[in-house]
Amino acid sequence: MHQERYSGKCAGLNGVGNTLPMMLGSLDKAILDFERTWWCQPGAKDKAIEFSLGLTSAAYYERLRRLIALSSALEYDPLTVKRVHRMLDTPVEREVAI
């Protein structure tokens, strides 16, 4: 499903999967491409994830967390990988019930 939505960015891959640990597959690249530009799409992010990539938001975020640890992901899209790293390193403010 993701290749139809991201055909321009994945067209040269010919469905090659992630066969080596350090190589990005077409879905991996589509996830990074999506994370770079998701706010350009209308509607909620979780719906856009499902529509564009065919993944649940839980599966998307699990795979994204694994992706940002790969040097090949950093080489493919350094700005997005670094942004996601910063977001994960930032503590979330929580309200304390008094």
N, C-alpha and C. Protein backbone atom coordinates (compact mmCIF):
# COMPACT_ATOMS: atom_id res chain seq x y z
N MET A 1 0.82 -1.19 0.00
CA MET A 1 0.00 0.00 0.00
C MET A 1 0.87 1.26 0.00
N HIS A 2 1.98 1.26 0.77
CA HIS A 2 2.81 2.45 0.86
C HIS A 2 3.49 2.79 -0.46
N GLN A 3 3.75 1.81 -1.31
CA GLN A 3 4.42 2.10 -2.56
C GLN A 3 3.53 2.88 -3.51
N GLU A 4 2.20 2.69 -3.44
CA GLU A 4 1.31 3.48 -4.29
C GLU A 4 1.34 4.95 -3.87
N ARG A 5 1.37 5.20 -2.57
CA ARG A 5 1.35 6.57 -2.07
C ARG A 5 2.69 7.27 -2.27
N TYR A 6 3.78 6.53 -2.16
CA TYR A 6 5.11 7.12 -2.26
C TYR A 6 5.84 6.62 -3.49
N SER A 7 5.12 6.42 -4.58
CA SER A 7 5.72 5.84 -5.78
C SER A 7 6.90 6.67 -6.29
N GLY A 8 6.84 7.97 -6.14
CA GLY A 8 7.93 8.80 -6.62
C GLY A 8 9.21 8.57 -5.85
N LYS A 9 9.13 8.32 -4.55
CA LYS A 9 10.31 8.15 -3.72
C LYS A 9 10.76 6.70 -3.67
N CYS A 10 9.89 5.75 -3.98
CA CYS A 10 10.22 4.33 -3.86
C CYS A 10 10.28 3.63 -5.21
N ALA A 11 10.08 4.34 -6.29
CA ALA A 11 9.94 3.70 -7.60
C ALA A 11 11.19 2.91 -8.00
N GLY A 12 12.36 3.39 -7.65
CA GLY A 12 13.58 2.72 -8.07
C GLY A 12 13.93 1.50 -7.25
N LEU A 13 13.14 1.18 -6.23
CA LEU A 13 13.50 0.09 -5.35
C LEU A 13 12.99 -1.26 -5.81
N ASN A 14 12.01 -1.28 -6.68
CA ASN A 14 11.45 -2.51 -7.23
C ASN A 14 11.08 -3.53 -6.17
N GLY A 15 10.53 -3.06 -5.05
CA GLY A 15 10.04 -3.95 -4.01
C GLY A 15 11.13 -4.66 -3.22
N VAL A 16 12.36 -4.18 -3.28
CA VAL A 16 13.44 -4.81 -2.54
C VAL A 16 13.21 -4.55 -1.07
N GLY A 17 13.20 -5.60 -0.27
CA GLY A 17 12.96 -5.47 1.16
C GLY A 17 14.24 -5.17 1.92
N ASN A 18 14.12 -5.13 3.21
CA ASN A 18 15.26 -4.86 4.07
C ASN A 18 16.02 -6.16 4.30
N THR A 19 16.88 -6.54 3.34
CA THR A 19 17.56 -7.83 3.38
C THR A 19 18.83 -7.79 4.21
N LEU A 20 19.46 -6.65 4.36
CA LEU A 20 20.65 -6.51 5.19
C LEU A 20 20.31 -5.62 6.37
N PRO A 21 20.91 -5.87 7.51
CA PRO A 21 20.57 -5.11 8.70
C PRO A 21 20.72 -3.60 8.54
N MET A 22 21.67 -3.14 7.76
CA MET A 22 21.92 -1.71 7.64
C MET A 22 21.27 -1.08 6.41
N MET A 23 20.55 -1.86 5.62
CA MET A 23 19.90 -1.31 4.43
C MET A 23 18.47 -0.95 4.77
N LEU A 24 18.00 0.16 4.23
CA LEU A 24 16.61 0.56 4.42
C LEU A 24 15.76 -0.03 3.31
N GLY A 25 14.65 -0.62 3.68
CA GLY A 25 13.70 -1.11 2.70
C GLY A 25 12.78 0.01 2.26
N SER A 26 11.92 -0.27 1.31
CA SER A 26 11.02 0.76 0.80
C SER A 26 10.05 1.25 1.87
N LEU A 27 9.58 0.37 2.75
CA LEU A 27 8.68 0.81 3.83
C LEU A 27 9.43 1.69 4.81
N ASP A 28 10.67 1.36 5.12
CA ASP A 28 11.47 2.18 6.02
C ASP A 28 11.64 3.59 5.46
N LYS A 29 11.96 3.68 4.19
CA LYS A 29 12.11 5.00 3.56
C LYS A 29 10.77 5.73 3.52
N ALA A 30 9.70 5.01 3.26
CA ALA A 30 8.37 5.63 3.23
C ALA A 30 8.00 6.18 4.60
N ILE A 31 8.37 5.47 5.66
CA ILE A 31 8.10 5.94 7.02
C ILE A 31 8.87 7.23 7.29
N LEU A 32 10.14 7.26 6.92
CA LEU A 32 10.93 8.48 7.12
C LEU A 32 10.40 9.63 6.26
N ASP A 33 10.01 9.33 5.03
CA ASP A 33 9.42 10.36 4.16
C ASP A 33 8.13 10.90 4.77
N PHE A 34 7.31 10.00 5.27
CA PHE A 34 6.05 10.39 5.89
C PHE A 34 6.31 11.26 7.13
N GLU A 35 7.22 10.85 7.98
CA GLU A 35 7.51 11.59 9.20
C GLU A 35 8.03 12.99 8.89
N ARG A 36 8.72 13.13 7.78
CA ARG A 36 9.24 14.44 7.37
C ARG A 36 8.11 15.38 6.96
N THR A 37 7.03 14.84 6.38
CA THR A 37 6.02 15.72 5.76
C THR A 37 4.60 15.47 6.23
N TRP A 38 4.37 14.73 7.31
CA TRP A 38 3.02 14.34 7.68
C TRP A 38 2.10 15.51 7.95
N TRP A 39 2.60 16.62 8.44
CA TRP A 39 1.73 17.75 8.77
C TRP A 39 1.16 18.42 7.53
N CYS A 40 1.65 18.08 6.36
CA CYS A 40 1.11 18.63 5.11
C CYS A 40 -0.18 17.94 4.70
N GLN A 41 -0.47 16.80 5.31
CA GLN A 41 -1.66 16.04 4.96
C GLN A 41 -2.83 16.47 5.85
N PRO A 42 -4.04 16.45 5.29
CA PRO A 42 -5.20 16.83 6.09
C PRO A 42 -5.55 15.74 7.10
N GLY A 43 -6.16 16.16 8.21
CA GLY A 43 -6.65 15.20 9.19
C GLY A 43 -5.63 14.82 10.24
N ALA A 44 -6.04 13.88 11.07
CA ALA A 44 -5.21 13.43 12.17
C ALA A 44 -4.05 12.57 11.66
N LYS A 45 -2.93 12.61 12.38
CA LYS A 45 -1.74 11.88 11.98
C LYS A 45 -2.00 10.38 11.95
N ASP A 46 -2.72 9.84 12.94
CA ASP A 46 -2.94 8.40 12.98
C ASP A 46 -3.75 7.92 11.78
N LYS A 47 -4.69 8.73 11.32
CA LYS A 47 -5.46 8.37 10.13
C LYS A 47 -4.59 8.46 8.88
N ALA A 48 -3.73 9.46 8.83
CA ALA A 48 -2.82 9.60 7.68
C ALA A 48 -1.82 8.45 7.62
N ILE A 49 -1.37 7.98 8.79
CA ILE A 49 -0.46 6.82 8.84
C ILE A 49 -1.14 5.61 8.24
N GLU A 50 -2.36 5.37 8.68
CA GLU A 50 -3.09 4.20 8.18
C GLU A 50 -3.38 4.31 6.68
N PHE A 51 -3.80 5.49 6.24
CA PHE A 51 -4.13 5.69 4.83
C PHE A 51 -2.89 5.63 3.94
N SER A 52 -1.83 6.31 4.34
CA SER A 52 -0.63 6.42 3.50
C SER A 52 0.25 5.18 3.53
N LEU A 53 0.37 4.56 4.70
CA LEU A 53 1.33 3.48 4.87
C LEU A 53 0.68 2.12 5.12
N GLY A 54 -0.59 2.12 5.47
CA GLY A 54 -1.27 0.86 5.77
C GLY A 54 -0.84 0.25 7.09
N LEU A 55 -0.35 1.07 8.01
CA LEU A 55 0.09 0.60 9.32
C LEU A 55 -0.79 1.20 10.41
N THR A 56 -0.90 0.50 11.52
CA THR A 56 -1.52 1.13 12.69
C THR A 56 -0.52 2.14 13.23
N SER A 57 -0.98 3.08 14.01
CA SER A 57 -0.05 4.06 14.56
C SER A 57 0.94 3.39 15.52
N ALA A 58 0.51 2.36 16.26
CA ALA A 58 1.42 1.64 17.16
C ALA A 58 2.55 0.98 16.37
N ALA A 59 2.22 0.31 15.27
CA ALA A 59 3.23 -0.34 14.43
C ALA A 59 4.16 0.70 13.81
N TYR A 60 3.60 1.83 13.40
CA TYR A 60 4.39 2.92 12.81
C TYR A 60 5.44 3.43 13.80
N TYR A 61 4.99 3.77 15.01
CA TYR A 61 5.91 4.33 16.00
C TYR A 61 6.95 3.31 16.47
N GLU A 62 6.56 2.05 16.56
CA GLU A 62 7.52 1.01 16.93
C GLU A 62 8.62 0.91 15.87
N ARG A 63 8.21 0.91 14.62
CA ARG A 63 9.20 0.81 13.53
C ARG A 63 10.04 2.08 13.43
N LEU A 64 9.42 3.24 13.64
CA LEU A 64 10.15 4.51 13.60
C LEU A 64 11.22 4.55 14.68
N ARG A 65 10.90 4.08 15.88
CA ARG A 65 11.89 4.07 16.96
C ARG A 65 13.08 3.17 16.61
N ARG A 66 12.81 2.03 15.96
CA ARG A 66 13.90 1.16 15.54
C ARG A 66 14.70 1.79 14.41
N LEU A 67 14.01 2.47 13.51
CA LEU A 67 14.67 3.08 12.35
C LEU A 67 15.68 4.14 12.75
N ILE A 68 15.32 4.99 13.70
CA ILE A 68 16.20 6.11 14.03
C ILE A 68 17.50 5.67 14.69
N ALA A 69 17.58 4.39 15.06
CA ALA A 69 18.82 3.86 15.62
C ALA A 69 19.79 3.39 14.54
N LEU A 70 19.34 3.33 13.29
CA LEU A 70 20.17 2.83 12.20
C LEU A 70 20.97 3.95 11.55
N SER A 71 22.23 3.67 11.29
CA SER A 71 23.07 4.67 10.62
C SER A 71 22.58 4.92 9.20
N SER A 72 22.00 3.91 8.57
CA SER A 72 21.49 4.10 7.21
C SER A 72 20.30 5.05 7.19
N ALA A 73 19.51 5.07 8.25
CA ALA A 73 18.39 6.02 8.34
C ALA A 73 18.94 7.44 8.50
N LEU A 74 19.98 7.58 9.30
CA LEU A 74 20.61 8.88 9.48
C LEU A 74 21.20 9.38 8.16
N GLU A 75 21.79 8.49 7.39
CA GLU A 75 22.34 8.88 6.09
C GLU A 75 21.23 9.25 5.11
N TYR A 76 20.10 8.54 5.16
CA TYR A 76 18.99 8.78 4.24
C TYR A 76 18.30 10.11 4.52
N ASP A 77 18.03 10.40 5.80
CA ASP A 77 17.30 11.61 6.16
C ASP A 77 17.78 12.12 7.51
N PRO A 78 18.94 12.77 7.55
CA PRO A 78 19.52 13.19 8.83
C PRO A 78 18.65 14.16 9.62
N LEU A 79 18.00 15.10 8.97
CA LEU A 79 17.20 16.07 9.70
C LEU A 79 16.01 15.42 10.41
N THR A 80 15.33 14.54 9.72
CA THR A 80 14.17 13.87 10.32
C THR A 80 14.61 12.97 11.46
N VAL A 81 15.67 12.20 11.27
CA VAL A 81 16.15 11.30 12.32
C VAL A 81 16.56 12.09 13.55
N LYS A 82 17.28 13.17 13.36
CA LYS A 82 17.72 13.99 14.50
C LYS A 82 16.52 14.64 15.20
N ARG A 83 15.52 15.08 14.43
CA ARG A 83 14.32 15.68 15.03
C ARG A 83 13.58 14.66 15.88
N VAL A 84 13.41 13.45 15.36
CA VAL A 84 12.72 12.41 16.13
C VAL A 84 13.51 12.06 17.38
N HIS A 85 14.83 11.98 17.27
CA HIS A 85 15.67 11.74 18.45
C HIS A 85 15.43 12.82 19.50
N ARG A 86 15.42 14.08 19.09
CA ARG A 86 15.19 15.18 20.03
C ARG A 86 13.83 15.06 20.69
N MET A 87 12.81 14.72 19.90
CA MET A 87 11.46 14.59 20.46
C MET A 87 11.42 13.47 21.50
N LEU A 88 12.12 12.38 21.25
CA LEU A 88 12.11 11.26 22.19
C LEU A 88 12.95 11.56 23.44
N ASP A 89 13.95 12.39 23.31
CA ASP A 89 14.80 12.74 24.44
C ASP A 89 14.19 13.81 25.34
N THR A 90 13.18 14.53 24.83
CA THR A 90 12.54 15.59 25.60
C THR A 90 11.52 14.99 26.55
N PRO A 91 11.65 15.25 27.84
CA PRO A 91 10.67 14.71 28.78
C PRO A 91 9.31 15.36 28.58
N VAL A 92 8.28 14.56 28.71
CA VAL A 92 6.92 15.05 28.55
C VAL A 92 6.44 15.61 29.88
N GLU A 93 5.94 16.84 29.84
CA GLU A 93 5.40 17.45 31.07
C GLU A 93 4.10 16.73 31.43
N ARG A 94 3.97 16.38 32.68
CA ARG A 94 2.76 15.71 33.14
C ARG A 94 2.13 16.53 34.24
N GLU A 95 0.80 16.59 34.19
CA GLU A 95 0.08 17.31 35.23
C GLU A 95 0.06 16.45 36.49
N VAL A 96 0.23 17.11 37.61
CA VAL A 96 0.20 16.43 38.89
C VAL A 96 -1.09 16.81 39.59
N ALA A 97 -1.87 15.81 39.96
CA ALA A 97 -3.12 16.07 40.68
C ALA A 97 -2.79 16.50 42.10
N ILE A 98 -3.36 17.60 42.49
CA ILE A 98 -3.10 18.12 43.85
C ILE A 98 -4.31 17.85 44.71
